């Protein structure tokens, strides 16, 4: 039984540091930043976890969201996420990870609860630290690398010029998806956003 009035933990996955800021791997940070701006929050260092956190409400008197950007590198994201979940007493079912997804075409957004990590080290670390895979994922499609480019190099490279034209719109839409999961739930959100 989950506390229906408790907070949600929304984790934007990415790597800290200016050199990673425009990488495909950092879309989670972009979405978290947009949500903070949209909901009037300001990120600050958390006292107990290696993460930046912004506490906001979704609408006047609405659900509380704890927006988080782990400041460990991607592969170690789970530690700060588990620490924040414990600190704010958030069950895994109310944890939302926003991350890049190689297995979804660029420009597509998908939502799911649970399942595999698809080789994503941030998700793998989260699943291990939370002790479950049953948390929500907002999957931001970046597509497969062109030609023979190594996927690891691809996710750590910046968005191309064509992708950048759509990026602001897609980050905005991903933030809408996060809000929809909180307000409506996973299934209604899938019905709303999986059409395109």
N, C-alpha and C. Protein backbone atom coordinates (compact mmCIF):
# COMPACT_ATOMS: atom_id res chain seq x y z
N UNK A 1 0.85 -1.20 0.00
CA UNK A 1 0.00 0.00 0.00
C UNK A 1 0.89 1.25 0.00
N UNK A 2 0.79 2.07 -1.02
CA UNK A 2 1.61 3.29 -1.06
C UNK A 2 0.83 4.46 -0.50
N UNK A 3 1.57 5.41 0.04
CA UNK A 3 0.97 6.63 0.57
C UNK A 3 0.60 7.51 -0.61
N UNK A 4 -0.70 7.68 -0.83
CA UNK A 4 -1.16 8.44 -2.00
C UNK A 4 -0.89 9.94 -1.88
N UNK A 5 -0.51 10.39 -0.69
CA UNK A 5 -0.24 11.82 -0.53
C UNK A 5 1.26 12.11 -0.43
N UNK A 6 2.05 11.06 -0.43
CA UNK A 6 3.51 11.23 -0.30
C UNK A 6 4.12 11.84 -1.55
N UNK A 7 5.39 12.25 -1.44
CA UNK A 7 6.05 12.87 -2.58
C UNK A 7 6.44 11.86 -3.66
N UNK A 8 6.72 12.39 -4.83
CA UNK A 8 7.29 11.63 -5.93
C UNK A 8 8.75 12.04 -6.07
N UNK A 9 9.61 11.09 -6.40
CA UNK A 9 11.01 11.39 -6.66
C UNK A 9 11.25 11.28 -8.16
N UNK A 10 11.54 12.42 -8.79
CA UNK A 10 11.77 12.47 -10.24
C UNK A 10 13.26 12.64 -10.47
N UNK A 11 13.88 11.60 -11.02
CA UNK A 11 15.34 11.59 -11.19
C UNK A 11 15.71 11.82 -12.64
N UNK A 12 16.40 12.92 -12.90
CA UNK A 12 16.96 13.14 -14.23
C UNK A 12 18.34 12.52 -14.26
N UNK A 13 18.55 11.54 -15.14
CA UNK A 13 19.86 10.89 -15.20
C UNK A 13 20.79 11.65 -16.15
N UNK A 14 22.05 11.75 -15.75
CA UNK A 14 23.04 12.44 -16.57
C UNK A 14 24.40 12.40 -15.90
N UNK A 15 25.35 13.09 -16.47
CA UNK A 15 26.69 13.21 -15.89
C UNK A 15 26.93 14.66 -15.49
N UNK A 16 27.55 14.87 -14.31
CA UNK A 16 27.83 16.25 -13.91
C UNK A 16 29.00 16.83 -14.71
N UNK A 17 29.07 18.14 -14.77
CA UNK A 17 30.20 18.78 -15.45
C UNK A 17 29.81 19.38 -16.78
N UNK A 18 30.42 20.55 -17.06
CA UNK A 18 30.08 21.31 -18.27
C UNK A 18 30.35 20.53 -19.55
N UNK A 19 31.39 19.70 -19.54
CA UNK A 19 31.75 18.98 -20.77
C UNK A 19 30.70 17.97 -21.20
N UNK A 20 29.81 17.58 -20.27
CA UNK A 20 28.76 16.61 -20.60
C UNK A 20 27.40 17.26 -20.86
N UNK A 21 27.30 18.55 -20.60
CA UNK A 21 26.00 19.23 -20.56
C UNK A 21 25.13 19.01 -21.80
N UNK A 22 25.73 19.02 -23.00
CA UNK A 22 24.95 18.88 -24.23
C UNK A 22 24.87 17.47 -24.78
N UNK A 23 25.38 16.48 -23.99
CA UNK A 23 25.39 15.09 -24.45
C UNK A 23 23.99 14.48 -24.51
N UNK A 24 23.84 13.50 -25.40
CA UNK A 24 22.58 12.75 -25.46
C UNK A 24 22.29 12.08 -24.12
N UNK A 25 23.34 11.63 -23.44
CA UNK A 25 23.21 10.93 -22.17
C UNK A 25 22.64 11.84 -21.07
N UNK A 26 22.59 13.14 -21.32
CA UNK A 26 22.20 14.09 -20.29
C UNK A 26 20.78 14.64 -20.43
N UNK A 27 19.95 13.99 -21.26
CA UNK A 27 18.59 14.51 -21.43
C UNK A 27 17.82 14.51 -20.11
N UNK A 28 18.13 13.59 -19.23
CA UNK A 28 17.45 13.56 -17.92
C UNK A 28 17.67 14.85 -17.15
N UNK A 29 18.91 15.35 -17.19
CA UNK A 29 19.22 16.63 -16.52
C UNK A 29 18.43 17.76 -17.16
N UNK A 30 18.34 17.75 -18.50
CA UNK A 30 17.61 18.81 -19.21
C UNK A 30 16.14 18.85 -18.79
N UNK A 31 15.54 17.66 -18.68
CA UNK A 31 14.12 17.58 -18.31
C UNK A 31 13.93 18.02 -16.85
N UNK A 32 14.84 17.59 -15.97
CA UNK A 32 14.75 18.00 -14.55
C UNK A 32 14.87 19.52 -14.43
N UNK A 33 15.81 20.11 -15.18
CA UNK A 33 15.99 21.57 -15.15
C UNK A 33 14.74 22.28 -15.62
N UNK A 34 14.15 21.77 -16.70
CA UNK A 34 12.93 22.40 -17.23
C UNK A 34 11.78 22.31 -16.22
N UNK A 35 11.61 21.15 -15.60
CA UNK A 35 10.55 20.99 -14.60
C UNK A 35 10.76 21.95 -13.43
N UNK A 36 12.01 22.08 -12.98
CA UNK A 36 12.29 23.00 -11.87
C UNK A 36 11.91 24.43 -12.26
N UNK A 37 12.29 24.85 -13.46
CA UNK A 37 11.96 26.18 -13.93
C UNK A 37 10.46 26.38 -14.06
N UNK A 38 9.80 25.37 -14.61
CA UNK A 38 8.35 25.42 -14.85
C UNK A 38 7.57 25.50 -13.53
N UNK A 39 8.07 24.80 -12.50
CA UNK A 39 7.33 24.70 -11.24
C UNK A 39 7.90 25.60 -10.15
N UNK A 40 8.81 26.50 -10.53
CA UNK A 40 9.33 27.49 -9.59
C UNK A 40 10.30 26.95 -8.56
N UNK A 41 11.04 25.89 -8.93
CA UNK A 41 12.02 25.32 -7.99
C UNK A 41 13.44 25.75 -8.33
N UNK A 42 14.32 25.61 -7.34
CA UNK A 42 15.73 25.95 -7.53
C UNK A 42 16.56 24.80 -7.00
N UNK A 43 17.49 24.32 -7.82
CA UNK A 43 18.33 23.20 -7.37
C UNK A 43 19.38 23.64 -6.37
N UNK A 44 19.58 22.79 -5.36
CA UNK A 44 20.65 23.01 -4.39
C UNK A 44 21.20 21.67 -3.96
N UNK A 45 22.41 21.66 -3.42
CA UNK A 45 23.02 20.40 -2.97
C UNK A 45 22.24 19.82 -1.80
N UNK A 46 21.98 18.52 -1.85
CA UNK A 46 21.28 17.84 -0.76
C UNK A 46 22.27 17.51 0.34
N UNK A 47 21.81 17.60 1.59
CA UNK A 47 22.73 17.41 2.72
C UNK A 47 23.12 15.94 2.94
N UNK A 48 22.28 15.00 2.46
CA UNK A 48 22.54 13.59 2.73
C UNK A 48 22.93 12.77 1.50
N UNK A 49 22.66 13.30 0.31
CA UNK A 49 22.93 12.51 -0.90
C UNK A 49 23.77 13.33 -1.87
N UNK A 50 24.58 12.65 -2.65
CA UNK A 50 25.42 13.33 -3.65
C UNK A 50 24.53 13.65 -4.84
N UNK A 51 23.74 14.70 -4.68
CA UNK A 51 22.77 15.07 -5.71
C UNK A 51 22.35 16.52 -5.52
N UNK A 52 21.88 17.11 -6.61
CA UNK A 52 21.20 18.40 -6.52
C UNK A 52 19.71 18.11 -6.48
N UNK A 53 19.00 18.84 -5.65
CA UNK A 53 17.58 18.57 -5.44
C UNK A 53 16.78 19.87 -5.47
N UNK A 54 15.59 19.81 -6.04
CA UNK A 54 14.63 20.92 -5.98
C UNK A 54 13.30 20.35 -5.54
N UNK A 55 12.72 20.90 -4.47
CA UNK A 55 11.41 20.45 -3.99
C UNK A 55 10.35 21.40 -4.53
N UNK A 56 9.37 20.85 -5.25
CA UNK A 56 8.33 21.67 -5.89
C UNK A 56 6.95 21.03 -5.69
N UNK A 57 5.92 21.78 -6.01
CA UNK A 57 4.57 21.22 -6.02
C UNK A 57 4.01 21.34 -7.43
N UNK A 58 3.24 20.33 -7.81
CA UNK A 58 2.62 20.31 -9.13
C UNK A 58 1.26 21.00 -9.00
N UNK A 59 1.24 22.30 -9.28
CA UNK A 59 0.00 23.05 -9.11
C UNK A 59 -0.20 23.44 -7.65
N UNK A 60 -1.10 24.36 -7.41
CA UNK A 60 -1.36 24.86 -6.06
C UNK A 60 -1.92 23.74 -5.19
N UNK A 61 -1.19 23.41 -4.13
CA UNK A 61 -1.62 22.33 -3.23
C UNK A 61 -1.55 20.95 -3.85
N UNK A 62 -0.91 20.85 -5.00
CA UNK A 62 -0.82 19.56 -5.70
C UNK A 62 0.26 18.66 -5.12
N UNK A 63 0.51 17.52 -5.78
CA UNK A 63 1.50 16.58 -5.29
C UNK A 63 2.89 17.20 -5.20
N UNK A 64 3.63 16.78 -4.19
CA UNK A 64 5.00 17.25 -4.03
C UNK A 64 5.94 16.42 -4.91
N UNK A 65 6.82 17.10 -5.63
CA UNK A 65 7.83 16.42 -6.43
C UNK A 65 9.20 16.78 -5.87
N UNK A 66 10.03 15.78 -5.72
CA UNK A 66 11.44 16.01 -5.40
C UNK A 66 12.20 15.75 -6.69
N UNK A 67 12.67 16.82 -7.32
CA UNK A 67 13.43 16.69 -8.56
C UNK A 67 14.89 16.48 -8.18
N UNK A 68 15.53 15.50 -8.80
CA UNK A 68 16.91 15.18 -8.41
C UNK A 68 17.81 14.97 -9.62
N UNK A 69 19.04 15.47 -9.47
CA UNK A 69 20.09 15.21 -10.46
C UNK A 69 21.28 14.64 -9.69
N UNK A 70 21.49 13.29 -9.78
CA UNK A 70 22.64 12.70 -9.09
C UNK A 70 23.94 13.32 -9.60
N UNK A 71 24.86 13.61 -8.69
CA UNK A 71 26.13 14.23 -9.08
C UNK A 71 27.28 13.24 -9.12
N UNK A 72 26.96 11.95 -8.95
CA UNK A 72 27.94 10.91 -9.22
C UNK A 72 27.92 10.76 -10.73
N UNK A 73 28.79 9.98 -11.30
CA UNK A 73 28.66 9.74 -12.73
C UNK A 73 27.54 8.72 -12.94
N UNK A 74 27.07 8.67 -14.18
CA UNK A 74 25.90 7.87 -14.55
C UNK A 74 25.92 6.47 -13.92
N UNK A 75 27.07 5.80 -14.02
CA UNK A 75 27.18 4.40 -13.57
C UNK A 75 26.92 4.23 -12.07
N UNK A 76 26.98 5.33 -11.31
CA UNK A 76 26.82 5.27 -9.85
C UNK A 76 25.58 6.03 -9.38
N UNK A 77 24.64 6.27 -10.29
CA UNK A 77 23.45 7.06 -9.96
C UNK A 77 22.61 6.44 -8.85
N UNK A 78 22.63 5.12 -8.74
CA UNK A 78 21.74 4.42 -7.81
C UNK A 78 21.92 4.81 -6.36
N UNK A 79 23.15 5.02 -5.92
CA UNK A 79 23.42 5.37 -4.52
C UNK A 79 22.66 6.62 -4.09
N UNK A 80 22.85 7.75 -4.81
CA UNK A 80 22.11 8.95 -4.44
C UNK A 80 20.59 8.77 -4.55
N UNK A 81 20.13 8.04 -5.56
CA UNK A 81 18.68 7.84 -5.73
C UNK A 81 18.10 7.07 -4.55
N UNK A 82 18.77 5.98 -4.16
CA UNK A 82 18.30 5.19 -3.02
C UNK A 82 18.34 6.03 -1.74
N UNK A 83 19.38 6.84 -1.59
CA UNK A 83 19.50 7.71 -0.41
C UNK A 83 18.36 8.71 -0.33
N UNK A 84 18.02 9.30 -1.47
CA UNK A 84 16.92 10.28 -1.51
C UNK A 84 15.57 9.60 -1.28
N UNK A 85 15.39 8.42 -1.87
CA UNK A 85 14.13 7.68 -1.68
C UNK A 85 13.92 7.36 -0.21
N UNK A 86 15.00 7.00 0.47
CA UNK A 86 14.93 6.70 1.90
C UNK A 86 14.65 7.98 2.70
N UNK A 87 15.37 9.05 2.38
CA UNK A 87 15.25 10.32 3.10
C UNK A 87 13.83 10.88 3.01
N UNK A 88 13.25 10.84 1.80
CA UNK A 88 11.91 11.40 1.59
C UNK A 88 10.80 10.36 1.74
N UNK A 89 11.18 9.12 2.09
CA UNK A 89 10.22 8.01 2.26
C UNK A 89 9.37 7.80 1.00
N UNK A 90 10.05 7.69 -0.12
CA UNK A 90 9.37 7.49 -1.41
C UNK A 90 9.51 6.01 -1.82
N UNK A 91 8.40 5.31 -1.99
CA UNK A 91 8.48 3.91 -2.44
C UNK A 91 8.88 3.86 -3.92
N UNK A 92 9.49 2.74 -4.36
CA UNK A 92 9.93 2.65 -5.76
C UNK A 92 8.84 2.96 -6.78
N UNK A 93 7.59 2.63 -6.48
CA UNK A 93 6.49 2.88 -7.43
C UNK A 93 6.28 4.37 -7.69
N UNK A 94 6.84 5.24 -6.82
CA UNK A 94 6.70 6.69 -7.00
C UNK A 94 8.04 7.33 -7.38
N UNK A 95 8.95 6.49 -7.85
CA UNK A 95 10.23 7.00 -8.38
C UNK A 95 10.13 7.01 -9.91
N UNK A 96 10.45 8.15 -10.52
CA UNK A 96 10.43 8.27 -11.98
C UNK A 96 11.83 8.60 -12.46
N UNK A 97 12.39 7.74 -13.30
CA UNK A 97 13.71 8.00 -13.89
C UNK A 97 13.51 8.53 -15.31
N UNK A 98 14.13 9.66 -15.62
CA UNK A 98 14.08 10.23 -16.97
C UNK A 98 15.45 9.99 -17.60
N UNK A 99 15.47 9.27 -18.73
CA UNK A 99 16.77 8.87 -19.29
C UNK A 99 16.73 8.75 -20.81
N UNK A 100 17.92 8.78 -21.40
CA UNK A 100 18.07 8.57 -22.84
C UNK A 100 17.88 7.09 -23.15
N UNK A 101 17.40 6.80 -24.35
CA UNK A 101 17.09 5.41 -24.73
C UNK A 101 17.52 5.15 -26.17
N UNK A 102 18.52 4.28 -26.33
CA UNK A 102 19.04 3.93 -27.65
C UNK A 102 18.04 3.14 -28.49
N UNK A 103 17.20 2.35 -27.81
CA UNK A 103 16.30 1.43 -28.52
C UNK A 103 15.00 2.08 -28.98
N UNK A 104 14.90 3.40 -28.82
CA UNK A 104 13.72 4.12 -29.29
C UNK A 104 14.20 5.19 -30.27
N UNK A 105 13.48 5.34 -31.37
CA UNK A 105 13.87 6.32 -32.39
C UNK A 105 13.97 7.72 -31.80
N UNK A 106 14.90 8.47 -32.35
CA UNK A 106 15.06 9.86 -31.94
C UNK A 106 13.74 10.61 -32.10
N UNK A 107 13.39 11.38 -31.09
CA UNK A 107 12.14 12.14 -31.16
C UNK A 107 10.94 11.44 -30.55
N UNK A 108 11.09 10.16 -30.16
CA UNK A 108 9.99 9.42 -29.55
C UNK A 108 10.14 9.38 -28.03
N UNK A 109 9.03 9.42 -27.33
CA UNK A 109 9.04 9.30 -25.87
C UNK A 109 8.17 8.11 -25.49
N UNK A 110 8.64 7.35 -24.52
CA UNK A 110 7.87 6.19 -24.05
C UNK A 110 7.92 6.14 -22.52
N UNK A 111 6.86 5.59 -21.94
CA UNK A 111 6.78 5.43 -20.48
C UNK A 111 6.57 3.96 -20.17
N UNK A 112 7.23 3.47 -19.14
CA UNK A 112 6.94 2.11 -18.68
C UNK A 112 7.30 2.00 -17.21
N UNK A 113 6.76 0.98 -16.58
CA UNK A 113 7.11 0.69 -15.20
C UNK A 113 7.79 -0.67 -15.18
N UNK A 114 8.97 -0.72 -14.58
CA UNK A 114 9.69 -1.98 -14.49
C UNK A 114 10.31 -2.39 -15.81
N UNK A 115 10.75 -3.66 -15.87
CA UNK A 115 11.39 -4.18 -17.08
C UNK A 115 12.89 -4.10 -17.00
N UNK A 116 13.52 -4.42 -18.11
CA UNK A 116 14.98 -4.46 -18.16
C UNK A 116 15.59 -3.07 -18.25
N UNK A 117 16.92 -3.04 -18.22
CA UNK A 117 17.62 -1.75 -18.29
C UNK A 117 18.17 -1.46 -19.67
N UNK A 118 18.09 -2.43 -20.59
CA UNK A 118 18.56 -2.22 -21.96
C UNK A 118 19.99 -1.74 -22.05
N UNK A 119 20.85 -2.22 -21.14
CA UNK A 119 22.26 -1.83 -21.18
C UNK A 119 22.53 -0.43 -20.65
N UNK A 120 21.52 0.23 -20.09
CA UNK A 120 21.69 1.59 -19.57
C UNK A 120 22.29 1.52 -18.15
N UNK A 121 23.52 2.01 -18.01
CA UNK A 121 24.22 1.86 -16.72
C UNK A 121 23.58 2.65 -15.59
N UNK A 122 22.95 3.77 -15.90
CA UNK A 122 22.27 4.54 -14.86
C UNK A 122 21.10 3.76 -14.28
N UNK A 123 20.31 3.13 -15.18
CA UNK A 123 19.18 2.33 -14.73
C UNK A 123 19.65 1.09 -13.97
N UNK A 124 20.71 0.48 -14.46
CA UNK A 124 21.26 -0.72 -13.80
C UNK A 124 21.65 -0.39 -12.36
N UNK A 125 22.31 0.76 -12.20
CA UNK A 125 22.74 1.20 -10.88
C UNK A 125 21.53 1.49 -9.99
N UNK A 126 20.51 2.13 -10.56
CA UNK A 126 19.29 2.42 -9.79
C UNK A 126 18.60 1.13 -9.34
N UNK A 127 18.44 0.18 -10.25
CA UNK A 127 17.77 -1.08 -9.92
C UNK A 127 18.50 -1.81 -8.79
N UNK A 128 19.82 -1.80 -8.88
CA UNK A 128 20.64 -2.48 -7.86
C UNK A 128 20.48 -1.79 -6.51
N UNK A 129 20.58 -0.46 -6.50
CA UNK A 129 20.51 0.27 -5.23
C UNK A 129 19.12 0.29 -4.62
N UNK A 130 18.09 0.35 -5.47
CA UNK A 130 16.71 0.35 -4.96
C UNK A 130 16.25 -1.07 -4.60
N UNK A 131 16.96 -2.07 -5.12
CA UNK A 131 16.60 -3.46 -4.84
C UNK A 131 15.40 -3.93 -5.65
N UNK A 132 15.05 -3.19 -6.69
CA UNK A 132 13.91 -3.55 -7.54
C UNK A 132 14.02 -2.83 -8.88
N UNK A 133 13.34 -3.39 -9.88
CA UNK A 133 13.25 -2.72 -11.19
C UNK A 133 11.90 -2.04 -11.34
N UNK A 134 11.07 -2.15 -10.31
CA UNK A 134 9.69 -1.66 -10.41
C UNK A 134 9.56 -0.17 -10.07
N UNK A 135 10.20 0.64 -10.88
CA UNK A 135 10.02 2.09 -10.81
C UNK A 135 9.68 2.56 -12.21
N UNK A 136 9.20 3.78 -12.33
CA UNK A 136 8.72 4.30 -13.61
C UNK A 136 9.90 4.85 -14.41
N UNK A 137 9.88 4.61 -15.72
CA UNK A 137 10.92 5.18 -16.60
C UNK A 137 10.24 6.03 -17.67
N UNK A 138 10.73 7.25 -17.83
CA UNK A 138 10.35 8.08 -18.97
C UNK A 138 11.53 7.99 -19.92
N UNK A 139 11.30 7.31 -21.04
CA UNK A 139 12.39 6.96 -21.97
C UNK A 139 12.42 7.93 -23.14
N UNK A 140 13.51 8.63 -23.25
CA UNK A 140 13.69 9.69 -24.24
C UNK A 140 14.51 9.11 -25.40
N UNK A 141 13.83 8.83 -26.52
CA UNK A 141 14.49 8.16 -27.64
C UNK A 141 15.60 9.00 -28.26
N UNK A 142 16.78 8.38 -28.41
CA UNK A 142 17.89 9.05 -29.11
C UNK A 142 18.32 8.26 -30.34
N UNK A 143 17.70 7.08 -30.55
CA UNK A 143 18.03 6.26 -31.71
C UNK A 143 19.39 5.60 -31.59
N UNK A 144 19.69 4.79 -32.56
CA UNK A 144 20.97 4.06 -32.59
C UNK A 144 22.04 4.91 -33.27
N UNK A 145 23.32 4.70 -32.90
CA UNK A 145 24.38 5.47 -33.54
C UNK A 145 24.49 5.17 -35.02
N UNK A 146 24.90 6.16 -35.82
CA UNK A 146 25.06 5.93 -37.26
C UNK A 146 26.28 5.05 -37.54
N UNK A 147 26.20 4.29 -38.62
CA UNK A 147 27.33 3.48 -39.06
C UNK A 147 27.83 2.55 -37.98
N UNK A 148 29.16 2.59 -37.77
CA UNK A 148 29.76 1.69 -36.79
C UNK A 148 30.16 2.39 -35.50
N UNK A 149 29.62 3.57 -35.27
CA UNK A 149 29.98 4.31 -34.06
C UNK A 149 29.61 3.50 -32.82
N UNK A 150 30.52 3.48 -31.87
CA UNK A 150 30.32 2.78 -30.61
C UNK A 150 29.18 3.47 -29.84
N UNK A 151 28.18 2.70 -29.37
CA UNK A 151 27.08 3.31 -28.61
C UNK A 151 27.56 4.15 -27.43
N UNK A 152 28.65 3.71 -26.76
CA UNK A 152 29.17 4.48 -25.62
C UNK A 152 29.65 5.86 -26.05
N UNK A 153 30.30 5.93 -27.22
CA UNK A 153 30.74 7.23 -27.74
C UNK A 153 29.55 8.07 -28.18
N UNK A 154 28.56 7.40 -28.75
CA UNK A 154 27.38 8.09 -29.27
C UNK A 154 26.60 8.79 -28.15
N UNK A 155 26.35 8.08 -27.04
CA UNK A 155 25.56 8.68 -25.96
C UNK A 155 26.33 9.83 -25.29
N UNK A 156 27.67 9.77 -25.37
CA UNK A 156 28.48 10.84 -24.76
C UNK A 156 28.85 11.94 -25.76
N UNK A 157 28.19 11.93 -26.91
CA UNK A 157 28.41 13.01 -27.87
C UNK A 157 27.21 13.95 -27.83
N UNK A 158 27.42 15.18 -28.31
CA UNK A 158 26.35 16.17 -28.28
C UNK A 158 25.30 15.87 -29.35
N UNK A 159 24.10 16.38 -29.12
CA UNK A 159 23.04 16.27 -30.13
C UNK A 159 23.50 16.97 -31.40
N UNK A 160 23.14 16.39 -32.56
CA UNK A 160 23.48 16.98 -33.84
C UNK A 160 22.59 18.18 -34.14
N UNK A 161 22.93 18.91 -35.19
CA UNK A 161 22.21 20.14 -35.54
C UNK A 161 20.73 19.88 -35.81
N UNK A 162 20.42 18.80 -36.53
CA UNK A 162 19.02 18.48 -36.85
C UNK A 162 18.27 18.14 -35.56
N UNK A 163 18.88 17.33 -34.70
CA UNK A 163 18.24 16.96 -33.43
C UNK A 163 18.00 18.19 -32.56
N UNK A 164 18.96 19.10 -32.57
CA UNK A 164 18.85 20.28 -31.69
C UNK A 164 17.65 21.15 -32.04
N UNK A 165 17.24 21.12 -33.31
CA UNK A 165 16.06 21.90 -33.72
C UNK A 165 14.81 21.45 -32.98
N UNK A 166 14.74 20.16 -32.68
CA UNK A 166 13.55 19.59 -32.02
C UNK A 166 13.73 19.43 -30.52
N UNK A 167 14.97 19.61 -30.04
CA UNK A 167 15.30 19.23 -28.67
C UNK A 167 14.45 19.96 -27.63
N UNK A 168 14.31 21.28 -27.75
CA UNK A 168 13.54 22.04 -26.76
C UNK A 168 12.10 21.54 -26.68
N UNK A 169 11.51 21.27 -27.85
CA UNK A 169 10.13 20.76 -27.89
C UNK A 169 10.04 19.40 -27.20
N UNK A 170 11.01 18.52 -27.47
CA UNK A 170 10.98 17.17 -26.90
C UNK A 170 11.23 17.17 -25.40
N UNK A 171 12.12 18.03 -24.93
CA UNK A 171 12.38 18.15 -23.49
C UNK A 171 11.11 18.64 -22.79
N UNK A 172 10.45 19.62 -23.42
CA UNK A 172 9.20 20.15 -22.89
C UNK A 172 8.13 19.05 -22.83
N UNK A 173 8.06 18.27 -23.89
CA UNK A 173 7.08 17.17 -23.94
C UNK A 173 7.40 16.09 -22.91
N UNK A 174 8.67 15.82 -22.70
CA UNK A 174 9.07 14.83 -21.68
C UNK A 174 8.66 15.31 -20.29
N UNK A 175 8.78 16.62 -20.05
CA UNK A 175 8.33 17.18 -18.78
C UNK A 175 6.82 17.03 -18.63
N UNK A 176 6.08 17.21 -19.73
CA UNK A 176 4.63 16.98 -19.72
C UNK A 176 4.31 15.53 -19.34
N UNK A 177 5.11 14.62 -19.89
CA UNK A 177 4.91 13.18 -19.63
C UNK A 177 5.11 12.89 -18.13
N UNK A 178 6.16 13.46 -17.54
CA UNK A 178 6.41 13.27 -16.11
C UNK A 178 5.21 13.76 -15.30
N UNK A 179 4.73 14.95 -15.63
CA UNK A 179 3.59 15.50 -14.90
C UNK A 179 2.35 14.62 -15.07
N UNK A 180 2.16 14.09 -16.26
CA UNK A 180 1.02 13.23 -16.54
C UNK A 180 1.09 11.93 -15.73
N UNK A 181 2.28 11.35 -15.59
CA UNK A 181 2.44 10.13 -14.78
C UNK A 181 2.01 10.40 -13.34
N UNK A 182 2.43 11.54 -12.81
CA UNK A 182 2.09 11.90 -11.42
C UNK A 182 0.58 12.11 -11.27
N UNK A 183 -0.01 12.82 -12.21
CA UNK A 183 -1.43 13.17 -12.10
C UNK A 183 -2.35 12.02 -12.51
N UNK A 184 -2.03 11.36 -13.64
CA UNK A 184 -2.95 10.37 -14.20
C UNK A 184 -2.55 8.92 -13.95
N UNK A 185 -1.25 8.67 -13.83
CA UNK A 185 -0.76 7.30 -13.73
C UNK A 185 -0.08 6.87 -15.02
N UNK A 186 0.58 5.71 -14.97
CA UNK A 186 1.39 5.25 -16.11
C UNK A 186 0.53 4.89 -17.32
N UNK A 187 -0.50 4.07 -17.09
CA UNK A 187 -1.29 3.58 -18.23
C UNK A 187 -2.01 4.70 -19.00
N UNK A 188 -2.72 5.60 -18.31
CA UNK A 188 -3.35 6.70 -19.04
C UNK A 188 -2.32 7.56 -19.78
N UNK A 189 -1.13 7.70 -19.20
CA UNK A 189 -0.07 8.48 -19.85
C UNK A 189 0.40 7.77 -21.13
N UNK A 190 0.55 6.45 -21.04
CA UNK A 190 0.92 5.69 -22.25
C UNK A 190 -0.12 5.90 -23.34
N UNK A 191 -1.40 5.84 -22.97
CA UNK A 191 -2.47 6.03 -23.95
C UNK A 191 -2.42 7.41 -24.58
N UNK A 192 -2.05 8.40 -23.79
CA UNK A 192 -1.99 9.78 -24.28
C UNK A 192 -0.81 10.05 -25.18
N UNK A 193 0.37 9.53 -24.80
CA UNK A 193 1.60 9.94 -25.46
C UNK A 193 2.26 8.92 -26.38
N UNK A 194 1.75 7.70 -26.41
CA UNK A 194 2.42 6.69 -27.25
C UNK A 194 1.89 6.64 -28.67
N UNK A 195 1.03 7.58 -29.01
CA UNK A 195 0.47 7.57 -30.37
C UNK A 195 1.49 7.91 -31.43
N UNK A 196 2.38 8.90 -31.13
CA UNK A 196 3.31 9.38 -32.15
C UNK A 196 4.66 8.83 -32.05
